[in-house]
Amino acid sequence: MDVLGISVLILLLLIGLSLVLDLMVGLHFRTSVIHVFNPFLVMEVPELIIFFFLMIAPFVYWFIKKIRKSRGQG
């Protein structure tokens, strides 16, 4: 229970920090909230490419491992 409480506290502090930084930059509060809850809107193209690579990499690794295993047995 303590771990969950600490995790929620850290989450709330980071959300607050993000909101304050966006407001200090000059964004409106509504825009800041949208950026906090949908981070894909503020990601640059290289960040999106790296994100999608990291999402696809485990499946590619599993597929290659499966192919190598079937070639070794066949």
C-alpha atoms as a PDB file:
ATOM      1  CA  MET A   1       0.000   0.000   0.000  1.00  0.00           C
ATOM      2  CA  ASP A   2       2.899   2.341   0.727  1.00  0.00           C
ATOM      3  CA  VAL A   3       4.369   1.748  -2.728  1.00  0.00           C
ATOM      4  CA  LEU A   4       1.060   2.625  -4.372  1.00  0.00           C
ATOM      5  CA  GLY A   5       0.753   5.802  -2.316  1.00  0.00           C
ATOM      6  CA  ILE A   6       4.277   6.901  -3.143  1.00  0.00           C
ATOM      7  CA  SER A   7       3.711   6.157  -6.833  1.00  0.00           C
ATOM      8  CA  VAL A   8       0.534   8.259  -6.894  1.00  0.00           C
ATOM      9  CA  LEU A   9       2.288  11.072  -5.030  1.00  0.00           C
ATOM     10  CA  ILE A  10       5.168  11.098  -7.520  1.00  0.00           C
ATOM     11  CA  LEU A  11       2.690  11.029 -10.421  1.00  0.00           C
ATOM     12  CA  LEU A  12       0.784  14.014  -9.034  1.00  0.00           C
ATOM     13  CA  LEU A  13       3.981  15.963  -8.381  1.00  0.00           C
ATOM     14  CA  LEU A  14       5.221  15.348 -11.931  1.00  0.00           C
ATOM     15  CA  ILE A  15       1.861  16.367 -13.412  1.00  0.00           C
ATOM     16  CA  GLY A  16       1.960  19.538 -11.333  1.00  0.00           C
ATOM     17  CA  LEU A  17       5.523  20.276 -12.423  1.00  0.00           C
ATOM     18  CA  SER A  18       4.573  19.807 -16.068  1.00  0.00           C
ATOM     19  CA  LEU A  19       1.566  22.108 -15.705  1.00  0.00           C
ATOM     20  CA  VAL A  20       3.614  24.805 -13.976  1.00  0.00           C
ATOM     21  CA  LEU A  21       6.364  24.659 -16.611  1.00  0.00           C
ATOM     22  CA  ASP A  22       3.827  24.937 -19.441  1.00  0.00           C
ATOM     23  CA  LEU A  23       2.178  27.900 -17.718  1.00  0.00           C
ATOM     24  CA  MET A  24       5.562  29.577 -17.201  1.00  0.00           C
ATOM     25  CA  VAL A  25       6.305  29.192 -20.907  1.00  0.00           C
ATOM     26  CA  GLY A  26       3.087  31.051 -21.639  1.00  0.00           C
ATOM     27  CA  LEU A  27       0.643  28.350 -22.655  1.00  0.00           C
ATOM     28  CA  HIS A  28      -2.974  28.506 -21.582  1.00  0.00           C
ATOM     29  CA  PHE A  29      -4.119  26.215 -18.779  1.00  0.00           C
ATOM     30  CA  ARG A  30      -6.362  24.179 -21.100  1.00  0.00           C
ATOM     31  CA  THR A  31      -3.478  23.590 -23.520  1.00  0.00           C
ATOM     32  CA  SER A  32      -1.229  22.569 -20.630  1.00  0.00           C
ATOM     33  CA  VAL A  33      -3.760  20.013 -19.408  1.00  0.00           C
ATOM     34  CA  ILE A  34      -4.113  18.599 -22.934  1.00  0.00           C
ATOM     35  CA  HIS A  35      -0.319  18.240 -23.175  1.00  0.00           C
ATOM     36  CA  VAL A  36      -0.149  16.486 -19.806  1.00  0.00           C
ATOM     37  CA  PHE A  37      -2.796  13.900 -20.619  1.00  0.00           C
ATOM     38  CA  ASN A  38      -1.887  13.352 -24.288  1.00  0.00           C
ATOM     39  CA  PRO A  39       1.910  13.530 -24.635  1.00  0.00           C
ATOM     40  CA  PHE A  40       1.819  12.334 -28.251  1.00  0.00           C
ATOM     41  CA  LEU A  41       0.636  15.806 -29.284  1.00  0.00           C
ATOM     42  CA  VAL A  42       3.921  17.385 -28.209  1.00  0.00           C
ATOM     43  CA  MET A  43       6.298  14.668 -29.437  1.00  0.00           C
ATOM     44  CA  GLU A  44       8.642  15.435 -32.331  1.00  0.00           C
ATOM     45  CA  VAL A  45       9.051  13.095 -35.306  1.00  0.00           C
ATOM     46  CA  PRO A  46      12.320  11.474 -34.075  1.00  0.00           C
ATOM     47  CA  GLU A  47      10.720  10.806 -30.691  1.00  0.00           C
ATOM     48  CA  LEU A  48       7.729   9.154 -32.368  1.00  0.00           C
ATOM     49  CA  ILE A  49      10.022   7.001 -34.525  1.00  0.00           C
ATOM     50  CA  ILE A  50      11.967   5.834 -31.465  1.00  0.00           C
ATOM     51  CA  PHE A  51       8.704   5.176 -29.578  1.00  0.00           C
ATOM     52  CA  PHE A  52       7.250   3.045 -32.375  1.00  0.00           C
ATOM     53  CA  PHE A  53      10.578   1.209 -32.774  1.00  0.00           C
ATOM     54  CA  LEU A  54      10.539   0.347 -29.072  1.00  0.00           C
ATOM     55  CA  MET A  55       6.938  -0.881 -29.377  1.00  0.00           C
ATOM     56  CA  ILE A  56       7.687  -3.073 -32.414  1.00  0.00           C
ATOM     57  CA  ALA A  57      11.142  -4.361 -31.378  1.00  0.00           C
ATOM     58  CA  PRO A  58       9.932  -7.120 -28.972  1.00  0.00           C
ATOM     59  CA  PHE A  59       7.641  -8.592 -31.645  1.00  0.00           C
ATOM     60  CA  VAL A  60      10.426  -8.549 -34.240  1.00  0.00           C
ATOM     61  CA  TYR A  61      12.789 -10.199 -31.751  1.00  0.00           C
ATOM     62  CA  TRP A  62      10.179 -12.886 -30.969  1.00  0.00           C
ATOM     63  CA  PHE A  63       9.547 -13.502 -34.681  1.00  0.00           C
ATOM     64  CA  ILE A  64      13.275 -13.831 -35.507  1.00  0.00           C
ATOM     65  CA  LYS A  65      13.782 -16.144 -32.528  1.00  0.00           C
ATOM     66  CA  LYS A  66      10.869 -18.309 -33.696  1.00  0.00           C
ATOM     67  CA  ILE A  67      12.251 -18.505 -37.257  1.00  0.00           C
ATOM     68  CA  ARG A  68      15.737 -19.470 -36.038  1.00  0.00           C
ATOM     69  CA  LYS A  69      14.252 -22.135 -33.763  1.00  0.00           C
ATOM     70  CA  SER A  70      12.188 -23.653 -36.596  1.00  0.00           C
ATOM     71  CA  ARG A  71      15.194 -23.705 -38.960  1.00  0.00           C
ATOM     72  CA  GLY A  72      17.310 -25.436 -36.349  1.00  0.00           C
ATOM     73  CA  GLN A  73      14.703 -28.169 -35.820  1.00  0.00           C
ATOM     74  CA  GLY A  74      13.658 -28.552 -39.472  1.00  0.00           C
END
